[in-house]
PDB file of all heavy atoms in Angstrom:
ATOM      1  N   MET A   1      82.164  -2.015-137.748  1.00  0.00           N
ATOM      2  CA  MET A   1      82.970  -0.939-137.171  1.00  0.00           C
ATOM      3  C   MET A   1      82.212   0.378-137.223  1.00  0.00           C
ATOM      4  O   MET A   1      81.656   0.742-138.255  1.00  0.00           O
ATOM      5  CB  MET A   1      84.292  -0.792-137.937  1.00  0.00           C
ATOM      6  CG  MET A   1      85.124   0.413-137.499  1.00  0.00           C
ATOM      7  SD  MET A   1      86.592   0.739-138.506  1.00  0.00           S
ATOM      8  CE  MET A   1      87.689  -0.517-137.894  1.00  0.00           C
ATOM      9  N   ILE A   2      82.199   1.092-136.109  1.00  0.00           N
ATOM     10  CA  ILE A   2      81.610   2.419-136.065  1.00  0.00           C
ATOM     11  C   ILE A   2      82.593   3.399-136.681  1.00  0.00           C
ATOM     12  O   ILE A   2      83.802   3.352-136.417  1.00  0.00           O
ATOM     13  CB  ILE A   2      81.295   2.825-134.617  1.00  0.00           C
ATOM     14  CG1 ILE A   2      80.141   1.983-134.067  1.00  0.00           C
ATOM     15  CG2 ILE A   2      80.938   4.304-134.526  1.00  0.00           C
ATOM     16  CD1 ILE A   2      79.840   2.245-132.613  1.00  0.00           C
ATOM     17  N   SER A   3      82.085   4.307-137.511  1.00  0.00           N
ATOM     18  CA  SER A   3      82.965   5.284-138.138  1.00  0.00           C
ATOM     19  C   SER A   3      82.282   6.643-138.198  1.00  0.00           C
ATOM     20  O   SER A   3      81.110   6.741-138.539  1.00  0.00           O
ATOM     21  CB  SER A   3      83.342   4.825-139.546  1.00  0.00           C
ATOM     22  OG  SER A   3      84.192   5.756-140.167  1.00  0.00           O
ATOM     23  N   GLY A   4      83.040   7.690-137.852  1.00  0.00           N
ATOM     24  CA  GLY A   4      82.501   9.045-137.901  1.00  0.00           C
ATOM     25  C   GLY A   4      83.151   9.930-136.865  1.00  0.00           C
ATOM     26  O   GLY A   4      84.016   9.499-136.107  1.00  0.00           O
ATOM     27  N   SER A   5      82.750  11.187-136.839  1.00  0.00           N
ATOM     28  CA  SER A   5      83.312  12.170-135.912  1.00  0.00           C
ATOM     29  C   SER A   5      82.240  12.674-134.957  1.00  0.00           C
ATOM     30  O   SER A   5      81.052  12.710-135.301  1.00  0.00           O
ATOM     31  CB  SER A   5      83.899  13.352-136.688  1.00  0.00           C
ATOM     32  OG  SER A   5      84.890  12.914-137.602  1.00  0.00           O
ATOM     33  N   LEU A   6      82.674  13.055-133.771  1.00  0.00           N
ATOM     34  CA  LEU A   6      81.758  13.546-132.747  1.00  0.00           C
ATOM     35  C   LEU A   6      82.254  14.881-132.204  1.00  0.00           C
ATOM     36  O   LEU A   6      83.462  15.083-132.022  1.00  0.00           O
ATOM     37  CB  LEU A   6      81.653  12.553-131.596  1.00  0.00           C
ATOM     38  CG  LEU A   6      80.977  11.214-131.903  1.00  0.00           C
ATOM     39  CD1 LEU A   6      81.286  10.205-130.794  1.00  0.00           C
ATOM     40  CD2 LEU A   6      79.475  11.388-132.052  1.00  0.00           C
ATOM     41  N   LEU A   7      81.321  15.775-131.928  1.00  0.00           N
ATOM     42  CA  LEU A   7      81.647  17.052-131.296  1.00  0.00           C
ATOM     43  C   LEU A   7      81.420  16.889-129.801  1.00  0.00           C
ATOM     44  O   LEU A   7      80.280  16.752-129.346  1.00  0.00           O
ATOM     45  CB  LEU A   7      80.764  18.167-131.858  1.00  0.00           C
ATOM     46  CG  LEU A   7      80.765  18.338-133.385  1.00  0.00           C
ATOM     47  CD1 LEU A   7      79.910  19.529-133.782  1.00  0.00           C
ATOM     48  CD2 LEU A   7      82.184  18.478-133.926  1.00  0.00           C
ATOM     49  N   ILE A   8      82.521  16.878-129.055  1.00  0.00           N
ATOM     50  CA  ILE A   8      82.462  16.624-127.623  1.00  0.00           C
ATOM     51  C   ILE A   8      82.711  17.901-126.829  1.00  0.00           C
ATOM     52  O   ILE A   8      83.600  18.692-127.148  1.00  0.00           O
ATOM     53  CB  ILE A   8      83.513  15.558-127.217  1.00  0.00           C
ATOM     54  CG1 ILE A   8      83.239  14.239-127.948  1.00  0.00           C
ATOM     55  CG2 ILE A   8      83.530  15.352-125.703  1.00  0.00           C
ATOM     56  CD1 ILE A   8      81.900  13.618-127.634  1.00  0.00           C
ATOM     57  N   ASP A   9      81.922  18.099-125.787  1.00  0.00           N
ATOM     58  CA  ASP A   9      82.105  19.205-124.851  1.00  0.00           C
ATOM     59  C   ASP A   9      82.993  18.699-123.714  1.00  0.00           C
ATOM     60  O   ASP A   9      82.514  18.112-122.752  1.00  0.00           O
ATOM     61  CB  ASP A   9      80.748  19.670-124.328  1.00  0.00           C
ATOM     62  CG  ASP A   9      80.854  20.855-123.378  1.00  0.00           C
ATOM     63  OD1 ASP A   9      81.988  21.337-123.131  1.00  0.00           O
ATOM     64  OD2 ASP A   9      79.799  21.310-122.890  1.00  0.00           O
ATOM     65  N   LYS A  10      84.297  18.911-123.854  1.00  0.00           N
ATOM     66  CA  LYS A  10      85.249  18.410-122.870  1.00  0.00           C
ATOM     67  C   LYS A  10      85.052  19.082-121.510  1.00  0.00           C
ATOM     68  O   LYS A  10      84.812  20.284-121.428  1.00  0.00           O
ATOM     69  CB  LYS A  10      86.686  18.649-123.350  1.00  0.00           C
ATOM     70  CG  LYS A  10      87.746  18.185-122.361  1.00  0.00           C
ATOM     71  CD  LYS A  10      89.107  18.781-122.688  1.00  0.00           C
ATOM     72  CE  LYS A  10      90.096  18.600-121.564  1.00  0.00           C
ATOM     73  NZ  LYS A  10      89.705  19.194-120.283  1.00  0.00           N
ATOM     74  N   GLU A  11      85.193  18.284-120.457  1.00  0.00           N
ATOM     75  CA  GLU A  11      85.027  18.794-119.099  1.00  0.00           C
ATOM     76  C   GLU A  11      86.362  19.215-118.485  1.00  0.00           C
ATOM     77  O   GLU A  11      87.413  18.647-118.801  1.00  0.00           O
ATOM     78  CB  GLU A  11      84.375  17.724-118.221  1.00  0.00           C
ATOM     79  CG  GLU A  11      82.973  17.329-118.660  1.00  0.00           C
ATOM     80  CD  GLU A  11      82.336  16.325-117.707  1.00  0.00           C
ATOM     81  OE1 GLU A  11      82.717  16.317-116.524  1.00  0.00           O
ATOM     82  OE2 GLU A  11      81.481  15.554-118.148  1.00  0.00           O
ATOM     83  N   VAL A  12      86.317  20.188-117.594  1.00  0.00           N
ATOM     84  CA  VAL A  12      87.498  20.610-116.841  1.00  0.00           C
ATOM     85  C   VAL A  12      87.970  19.449-115.965  1.00  0.00           C
ATOM     86  O   VAL A  12      87.164  18.730-115.377  1.00  0.00           O
ATOM     87  CB  VAL A  12      87.183  21.836-115.952  1.00  0.00           C
ATOM     88  CG1 VAL A  12      88.354  22.139-115.025  1.00  0.00           C
ATOM     89  CG2 VAL A  12      86.863  23.048-116.819  1.00  0.00           C
ATOM     90  N   GLY A  13      89.281  19.233-115.911  1.00  0.00           N
ATOM     91  CA  GLY A  13      89.843  18.196-115.058  1.00  0.00           C
ATOM     92  C   GLY A  13      90.193  16.913-115.786  1.00  0.00           C
ATOM     93  O   GLY A  13      90.955  16.101-115.266  1.00  0.00           O
ATOM     94  N   LEU A  14      89.637  16.734-116.974  1.00  0.00           N
ATOM     95  CA  LEU A  14      89.941  15.552-117.772  1.00  0.00           C
ATOM     96  C   LEU A  14      90.927  15.898-118.879  1.00  0.00           C
ATOM     97  O   LEU A  14      90.901  16.999-119.424  1.00  0.00           O
ATOM     98  CB  LEU A  14      88.672  14.978-118.394  1.00  0.00           C
ATOM     99  CG  LEU A  14      87.596  14.442-117.446  1.00  0.00           C
ATOM    100  CD1 LEU A  14      86.415  13.923-118.252  1.00  0.00           C
ATOM    101  CD2 LEU A  14      88.150  13.346-116.550  1.00  0.00           C
ATOM    102  N   THR A  15      91.785  14.946-119.233  1.00  0.00           N
ATOM    103  CA  THR A  15      92.644  15.138-120.388  1.00  0.00           C
ATOM    104  C   THR A  15      91.829  14.857-121.645  1.00  0.00           C
ATOM    105  O   THR A  15      90.774  14.210-121.597  1.00  0.00           O
ATOM    106  CB  THR A  15      93.856  14.187-120.354  1.00  0.00           C
ATOM    107  OG1 THR A  15      93.386  12.838-120.495  1.00  0.00           O
ATOM    108  CG2 THR A  15      94.637  14.326-119.053  1.00  0.00           C
ATOM    109  N   SER A  16      92.332  15.317-122.769  1.00  0.00           N
ATOM    110  CA  SER A  16      91.663  15.042-124.037  1.00  0.00           C
ATOM    111  C   SER A  16      91.608  13.543-124.284  1.00  0.00           C
ATOM    112  O   SER A  16      90.608  13.012-124.770  1.00  0.00           O
ATOM    113  CB  SER A  16      92.403  15.744-125.178  1.00  0.00           C
ATOM    114  OG  SER A  16      92.349  17.145-125.031  1.00  0.00           O
ATOM    115  N   ARG A  17      92.682  12.842-123.935  1.00  0.00           N
ATOM    116  CA  ARG A  17      92.726  11.391-124.133  1.00  0.00           C
ATOM    117  C   ARG A  17      91.687  10.682-123.272  1.00  0.00           C
ATOM    118  O   ARG A  17      91.063   9.703-123.717  1.00  0.00           O
ATOM    119  CB  ARG A  17      94.117  10.869-123.793  1.00  0.00           C
ATOM    120  CG  ARG A  17      94.349   9.408-124.156  1.00  0.00           C
ATOM    121  CD  ARG A  17      94.323   9.199-125.659  1.00  0.00           C
ATOM    122  NE  ARG A  17      93.333   8.210-126.068  1.00  0.00           N
ATOM    123  CZ  ARG A  17      93.140   7.844-127.326  1.00  0.00           C
ATOM    124  NH1 ARG A  17      93.846   8.383-128.294  1.00  0.00           N
ATOM    125  NH2 ARG A  17      92.222   6.942-127.623  1.00  0.00           N
ATOM    126  N   GLN A  18      91.470  11.165-122.055  1.00  0.00           N
ATOM    127  CA  GLN A  18      90.450  10.557-121.197  1.00  0.00           C
ATOM    128  C   GLN A  18      89.058  10.706-121.810  1.00  0.00           C
ATOM    129  O   GLN A  18      88.241   9.776-121.750  1.00  0.00           O
ATOM    130  CB  GLN A  18      90.486  11.191-119.807  1.00  0.00           C
ATOM    131  CG  GLN A  18      91.664  10.731-118.954  1.00  0.00           C
ATOM    132  CD  GLN A  18      91.760  11.491-117.654  1.00  0.00           C
ATOM    133  OE1 GLN A  18      91.520  12.703-117.592  1.00  0.00           O
ATOM    134  NE2 GLN A  18      92.110  10.782-116.579  1.00  0.00           N
ATOM    135  N   GLU A  19      88.793  11.854-122.413  1.00  0.00           N
ATOM    136  CA  GLU A  19      87.499  12.056-123.063  1.00  0.00           C
ATOM    137  C   GLU A  19      87.347  11.116-124.259  1.00  0.00           C
ATOM    138  O   GLU A  19      86.273  10.544-124.488  1.00  0.00           O
ATOM    139  CB  GLU A  19      87.353  13.515-123.518  1.00  0.00           C
ATOM    140  CG  GLU A  19      87.184  14.522-122.393  1.00  0.00           C
ATOM    141  CD  GLU A  19      85.784  14.530-121.811  1.00  0.00           C
ATOM    142  OE1 GLU A  19      85.100  13.485-121.824  1.00  0.00           O
ATOM    143  OE2 GLU A  19      85.354  15.596-121.319  1.00  0.00           O
ATOM    144  N   VAL A  20      88.428  10.948-125.020  1.00  0.00           N
ATOM    145  CA  VAL A  20      88.397  10.011-126.148  1.00  0.00           C
ATOM    146  C   VAL A  20      88.117   8.599-125.650  1.00  0.00           C
ATOM    147  O   VAL A  20      87.299   7.871-126.223  1.00  0.00           O
ATOM    148  CB  VAL A  20      89.725  10.051-126.925  1.00  0.00           C
ATOM    149  CG1 VAL A  20      89.778   8.915-127.956  1.00  0.00           C
ATOM    150  CG2 VAL A  20      89.905  11.394-127.617  1.00  0.00           C
ATOM    151  N   ASN A  21      88.783   8.215-124.577  1.00  0.00           N
ATOM    152  CA  ASN A  21      88.574   6.872-124.017  1.00  0.00           C
ATOM    153  C   ASN A  21      87.139   6.687-123.531  1.00  0.00           C
ATOM    154  O   ASN A  21      86.567   5.586-123.660  1.00  0.00           O
ATOM    155  CB  ASN A  21      89.549   6.626-122.870  1.00  0.00           C
ATOM    156  CG  ASN A  21      90.989   6.502-123.345  1.00  0.00           C
ATOM    157  OD1 ASN A  21      91.241   6.272-124.528  1.00  0.00           O
ATOM    158  ND2 ASN A  21      91.931   6.673-122.436  1.00  0.00           N
ATOM    159  N   ASN A  22      86.548   7.737-122.968  1.00  0.00           N
ATOM    160  CA  ASN A  22      85.154   7.664-122.521  1.00  0.00           C
ATOM    161  C   ASN A  22      84.226   7.344-123.696  1.00  0.00           C
ATOM    162  O   ASN A  22      83.328   6.501-123.603  1.00  0.00           O
ATOM    163  CB  ASN A  22      84.728   8.984-121.878  1.00  0.00           C
ATOM    164  CG  ASN A  22      85.366   9.211-120.526  1.00  0.00           C
ATOM    165  OD1 ASN A  22      85.875   8.275-119.900  1.00  0.00           O
ATOM    166  ND2 ASN A  22      85.364  10.450-120.074  1.00  0.00           N
ATOM    167  N   VAL A  23      84.446   8.044-124.811  1.00  0.00           N
ATOM    168  CA  VAL A  23      83.635   7.832-126.004  1.00  0.00           C
ATOM    169  C   VAL A  23      83.879   6.434-126.568  1.00  0.00           C
ATOM    170  O   VAL A  23      82.948   5.734-126.969  1.00  0.00           O
ATOM    171  CB  VAL A  23      83.955   8.900-127.072  1.00  0.00           C
ATOM    172  CG1 VAL A  23      83.243   8.570-128.378  1.00  0.00           C
ATOM    173  CG2 VAL A  23      83.545  10.282-126.577  1.00  0.00           C
ATOM    174  N   SER A  24      85.151   6.037-126.601  1.00  0.00           N
ATOM    175  CA  SER A  24      85.525   4.726-127.131  1.00  0.00           C
ATOM    176  C   SER A  24      84.822   3.595-126.378  1.00  0.00           C
ATOM    177  O   SER A  24      84.303   2.658-126.981  1.00  0.00           O
ATOM    178  CB  SER A  24      87.052   4.558-127.048  1.00  0.00           C
ATOM    179  OG  SER A  24      87.446   3.301-127.532  1.00  0.00           O
ATOM    180  N   ARG A  25      84.796   3.705-125.057  1.00  0.00           N
ATOM    181  CA  ARG A  25      84.127   2.676-124.241  1.00  0.00           C
ATOM    182  C   ARG A  25      82.617   2.697-124.444  1.00  0.00           C
ATOM    183  O   ARG A  25      81.975   1.650-124.566  1.00  0.00           O
ATOM    184  CB  ARG A  25      84.465   2.876-122.757  1.00  0.00           C
ATOM    185  CG  ARG A  25      85.870   2.433-122.376  1.00  0.00           C
ATOM    186  CD  ARG A  25      86.021   2.402-120.866  1.00  0.00           C
ATOM    187  NE  ARG A  25      85.888   3.728-120.284  1.00  0.00           N
ATOM    188  CZ  ARG A  25      86.913   4.551-120.073  1.00  0.00           C
ATOM    189  NH1 ARG A  25      88.148   4.174-120.398  1.00  0.00           N
ATOM    190  NH2 ARG A  25      86.727   5.733-119.532  1.00  0.00           N
ATOM    191  N   LEU A  26      82.058   3.904-124.478  1.00  0.00           N
ATOM    192  CA  LEU A  26      80.607   4.036-124.596  1.00  0.00           C
ATOM    193  C   LEU A  26      80.091   3.469-125.910  1.00  0.00           C
ATOM    194  O   LEU A  26      79.068   2.757-125.943  1.00  0.00           O
ATOM    195  CB  LEU A  26      80.205   5.518-124.476  1.00  0.00           C
ATOM    196  CG  LEU A  26      78.716   5.839-124.559  1.00  0.00           C
ATOM    197  CD1 LEU A  26      77.968   5.214-123.388  1.00  0.00           C
ATOM    198  CD2 LEU A  26      78.494   7.346-124.592  1.00  0.00           C
ATOM    199  N   LEU A  27      80.801   3.747-126.999  1.00  0.00           N
ATOM    200  CA  LEU A  27      80.342   3.308-128.318  1.00  0.00           C
ATOM    201  C   LEU A  27      81.028   2.028-128.779  1.00  0.00           C
ATOM    202  O   LEU A  27      80.808   1.570-129.900  1.00  0.00           O
ATOM    203  CB  LEU A  27      80.559   4.422-129.346  1.00  0.00           C
ATOM    204  CG  LEU A  27      79.788   5.718-129.076  1.00  0.00           C
ATOM    205  CD1 LEU A  27      79.957   6.690-130.227  1.00  0.00           C
ATOM    206  CD2 LEU A  27      78.312   5.449-128.836  1.00  0.00           C
ATOM    207  N   LYS A  28      81.883   1.477-127.896  1.00  0.00           N
ATOM    208  CA  LYS A  28      82.540   0.189-128.169  1.00  0.00           C
ATOM    209  C   LYS A  28      83.328   0.198-129.486  1.00  0.00           C
ATOM    210  O   LYS A  28      83.204  -0.696-130.323  1.00  0.00           O
ATOM    211  CB  LYS A  28      81.511  -0.941-128.166  1.00  0.00           C
ATOM    212  CG  LYS A  28      80.819  -1.137-126.824  1.00  0.00           C
ATOM    213  CD  LYS A  28      79.799  -2.261-126.887  1.00  0.00           C
ATOM    214  CE  LYS A  28      79.202  -2.548-125.508  1.00  0.00           C
ATOM    215  NZ  LYS A  28      78.551  -1.382-124.889  1.00  0.00           N
ATOM    216  N   GLU A  29      84.127   1.245-129.669  1.00  0.00           N
ATOM    217  CA  GLU A  29      84.995   1.348-130.833  1.00  0.00           C
ATOM    218  C   GLU A  29      86.416   1.652-130.354  1.00  0.00           C
ATOM    219  O   GLU A  29      86.681   2.723-129.805  1.00  0.00           O
ATOM    220  CB  GLU A  29      84.508   2.456-131.783  1.00  0.00           C
ATOM    221  CG  GLU A  29      85.425   2.711-132.969  1.00  0.00           C
ATOM    222  CD  GLU A  29      85.740   1.447-133.746  1.00  0.00           C
ATOM    223  OE1 GLU A  29      84.789   0.796-134.254  1.00  0.00           O
ATOM    224  OE2 GLU A  29      86.933   1.088-133.840  1.00  0.00           O
ATOM    225  N   LYS A  30      87.313   0.694-130.543  1.00  0.00           N
ATOM    226  CA  LYS A  30      88.668   0.828-130.021  1.00  0.00           C
ATOM    227  C   LYS A  30      89.511   1.847-130.781  1.00  0.00           C
ATOM    228  O   LYS A  30      90.378   2.510-130.207  1.00  0.00           O
ATOM    229  CB  LYS A  30      89.370  -0.533-130.034  1.00  0.00           C
ATOM    230  CG  LYS A  30      88.783  -1.538-129.054  1.00  0.00           C
ATOM    231  CD  LYS A  30      89.557  -2.845-129.089  1.00  0.00           C
ATOM    232  CE  LYS A  30      88.991  -3.836-128.091  1.00  0.00           C
ATOM    233  NZ  LYS A  30      89.741  -5.131-128.113  1.00  0.00           N
ATOM    234  N   LYS A  31      89.271   1.959-132.081  1.00  0.00           N
ATOM    235  CA  LYS A  31      90.069   2.875-132.888  1.00  0.00           C
ATOM    236  C   LYS A  31      89.505   4.283-132.736  1.00  0.00           C
ATOM    237  O   LYS A  31      88.422   4.596-133.241  1.00  0.00           O
ATOM    238  CB  LYS A  31      90.046   2.442-134.352  1.00  0.00           C
ATOM    239  CG  LYS A  31      91.090   3.124-135.208  1.00  0.00           C
ATOM    240  CD  LYS A  31      91.151   2.506-136.595  1.00  0.00           C
ATOM    241  CE  LYS A  31      92.275   3.129-137.412  1.00  0.00           C
ATOM    242  NZ  LYS A  31      92.367   2.534-138.769  1.00  0.00           N
ATOM    243  N   ALA A  32      90.223   5.126-132.016  1.00  0.00           N
ATOM    244  CA  ALA A  32      89.697   6.461-131.709  1.00  0.00           C
ATOM    245  C   ALA A  32      90.827   7.457-131.541  1.00  0.00           C
ATOM    246  O   ALA A  32      91.919   7.127-131.085  1.00  0.00           O
ATOM    247  CB  ALA A  32      88.854   6.413-130.434  1.00  0.00           C
ATOM    248  N   GLY A  33      90.578   8.698-131.915  1.00  0.00           N
ATOM    249  CA  GLY A  33      91.552   9.776-131.760  1.00  0.00           C
ATOM    250  C   GLY A  33      90.831  11.102-131.631  1.00  0.00           C
ATOM    251  O   GLY A  33      89.601  11.150-131.535  1.00  0.00           O
ATOM    252  N   HIS A  34      91.583  12.199-131.629  1.00  0.00           N
ATOM    253  CA  HIS A  34      90.964  13.511-131.488  1.00  0.00           C
ATOM    254  C   HIS A  34      91.756  14.578-132.229  1.00  0.00           C
ATOM    255  O   HIS A  34      92.908  14.366-132.601  1.00  0.00           O
ATOM    256  CB  HIS A  34      90.838  13.899-130.007  1.00  0.00           C
ATOM    257  CG  HIS A  34      92.154  14.160-129.338  1.00  0.00           C
ATOM    258  ND1 HIS A  34      92.940  13.148-128.831  1.00  0.00           N
ATOM    259  CD2 HIS A  34      92.821  15.311-129.093  1.00  0.00           C
ATOM    260  CE1 HIS A  34      94.033  13.667-128.296  1.00  0.00           C
ATOM    261  NE2 HIS A  34      93.983  14.973-128.449  1.00  0.00           N
ATOM    262  N   ILE A  35      91.124  15.725-132.424  1.00  0.00           N
ATOM    263  CA  ILE A  35      91.746  16.877-133.073  1.00  0.00           C
ATOM    264  C   ILE A  35      91.916  17.993-132.048  1.00  0.00           C
ATOM    265  O   ILE A  35      90.957  18.398-131.403  1.00  0.00           O
ATOM    266  CB  ILE A  35      90.863  17.396-134.236  1.00  0.00           C
ATOM    267  CG1 ILE A  35      90.702  16.317-135.302  1.00  0.00           C
ATOM    268  CG2 ILE A  35      91.467  18.658-134.841  1.00  0.00           C
ATOM    269  CD1 ILE A  35      91.975  15.894-135.955  1.00  0.00           C
ATOM    270  N   GLY A  36      93.133  18.497-131.908  1.00  0.00           N
ATOM    271  CA  GLY A  36      93.367  19.652-131.042  1.00  0.00           C
ATOM    272  C   GLY A  36      93.303  19.314-129.572  1.00  0.00           C
ATOM    273  O   GLY A  36      92.218  19.259-128.983  1.00  0.00           O
ATOM    274  N   THR A  37      94.445  19.099-128.952  1.00  0.00           N
ATOM    275  CA  THR A  37      94.500  18.764-127.526  1.00  0.00           C
ATOM    276  C   THR A  37      94.106  19.957-126.669  1.00  0.00           C
ATOM    277  O   THR A  37      94.533  21.088-126.911  1.00  0.00           O
ATOM    278  CB  THR A  37      95.925  18.307-127.146  1.00  0.00           C
ATOM    279  OG1 THR A  37      96.259  17.153-127.911  1.00  0.00           O
ATOM    280  CG2 THR A  37      96.013  17.976-125.669  1.00  0.00           C
ATOM    281  N   LEU A  38      93.296  19.702-125.661  1.00  0.00           N
ATOM    282  CA  LEU A  38      92.951  20.706-124.652  1.00  0.00           C
ATOM    283  C   LEU A  38      93.588  20.302-123.328  1.00  0.00           C
ATOM    284  O   LEU A  38      93.541  19.133-122.938  1.00  0.00           O
ATOM    285  CB  LEU A  38      91.438  20.812-124.458  1.00  0.00           C
ATOM    286  CG  LEU A  38      90.657  21.608-125.502  1.00  0.00           C
ATOM    287  CD1 LEU A  38      89.156  21.451-125.254  1.00  0.00           C
ATOM    288  CD2 LEU A  38      91.040  23.079-125.482  1.00  0.00           C
ATOM    289  N   ASP A  39      94.194  21.262-122.626  1.00  0.00           N
ATOM    290  CA  ASP A  39      94.785  20.988-121.319  1.00  0.00           C
ATOM    291  C   ASP A  39      93.694  20.563-120.331  1.00  0.00           C
ATOM    292  O   ASP A  39      92.524  20.942-120.489  1.00  0.00           O
ATOM    293  CB  ASP A  39      95.483  22.234-120.776  1.00  0.00           C
ATOM    294  CG  ASP A  39      96.675  22.642-121.635  1.00  0.00           C
ATOM    295  OD1 ASP A  39      97.369  21.747-122.140  1.00  0.00           O
ATOM    296  OD2 ASP A  39      96.898  23.854-121.785  1.00  0.00           O
ATOM    297  N   PRO A  40      94.066  19.809-119.297  1.00  0.00           N
ATOM    298  CA  PRO A  40      93.062  19.382-118.311  1.00  0.00           C
ATOM    299  C   PRO A  40      92.284  20.546-117.686  1.00  0.00           C
ATOM    300  O   PRO A  40      91.081  20.404-117.409  1.00  0.00           O
ATOM    301  CB  PRO A  40      93.913  18.659-117.258  1.00  0.00           C
ATOM    302  CG  PRO A  40      95.052  18.098-118.039  1.00  0.00           C
ATOM    303  CD  PRO A  40      95.369  19.155-119.065  1.00  0.00           C
ATOM    304  N   PHE A  41      92.934  21.705-117.487  1.00  0.00           N
ATOM    305  CA  PHE A  41      92.234  22.822-116.838  1.00  0.00           C
ATOM    306  C   PHE A  41      91.238  23.498-117.787  1.00  0.00           C
ATOM    307  O   PHE A  41      90.377  24.270-117.343  1.00  0.00           O
ATOM    308  CB  PHE A  41      93.248  23.848-116.319  1.00  0.00           C
ATOM    309  CG  PHE A  41      93.521  25.007-117.236  1.00  0.00           C
ATOM    310  CD1 PHE A  41      92.915  26.232-117.044  1.00  0.00           C
ATOM    311  CD2 PHE A  41      94.388  24.862-118.311  1.00  0.00           C
ATOM    312  CE1 PHE A  41      93.166  27.289-117.900  1.00  0.00           C
ATOM    313  CE2 PHE A  41      94.660  25.907-119.163  1.00  0.00           C
ATOM    314  CZ  PHE A  41      94.041  27.136-118.959  1.00  0.00           C
ATOM    315  N   ALA A  42      91.340  23.213-119.093  1.00  0.00           N
ATOM    316  CA  ALA A  42      90.477  23.838-120.090  1.00  0.00           C
ATOM    317  C   ALA A  42      89.261  22.972-120.391  1.00  0.00           C
ATOM    318  O   ALA A  42      89.251  21.765-120.135  1.00  0.00           O
ATOM    319  CB  ALA A  42      91.267  24.089-121.371  1.00  0.00           C
ATOM    320  N   ASP A  43      88.233  23.595-120.943  1.00  0.00           N
ATOM    321  CA  ASP A  43      87.056  22.854-121.385  1.00  0.00           C
ATOM    322  C   ASP A  43      86.689  23.314-122.790  1.00  0.00           C
ATOM    323  O   ASP A  43      87.373  24.124-123.402  1.00  0.00           O
ATOM    324  CB  ASP A  43      85.884  23.021-120.409  1.00  0.00           C
ATOM    325  CG  ASP A  43      85.429  24.467-120.263  1.00  0.00           C
ATOM    326  OD1 ASP A  43      85.973  25.350-120.960  1.00  0.00           O
ATOM    327  OD2 ASP A  43      84.529  24.737-119.442  1.00  0.00           O
ATOM    328  N   GLY A  44      85.594  22.760-123.307  1.00  0.00           N
ATOM    329  CA  GLY A  44      85.130  23.205-124.609  1.00  0.00           C
ATOM    330  C   GLY A  44      85.209  22.154-125.688  1.00  0.00           C
ATOM    331  O   GLY A  44      85.301  20.953-125.418  1.00  0.00           O
TER     332      GLY A  44
END
């Protein structure tokens, strides 16, 4: 199992959950979450 935290530069237009899912698929780790939701119009 992969374990750890990542600092992601969220893109405009995506939900926070979509970014989490992108990482989950890329690193093949199903158990994934995030800290601090960003609205789709926001980035960072």
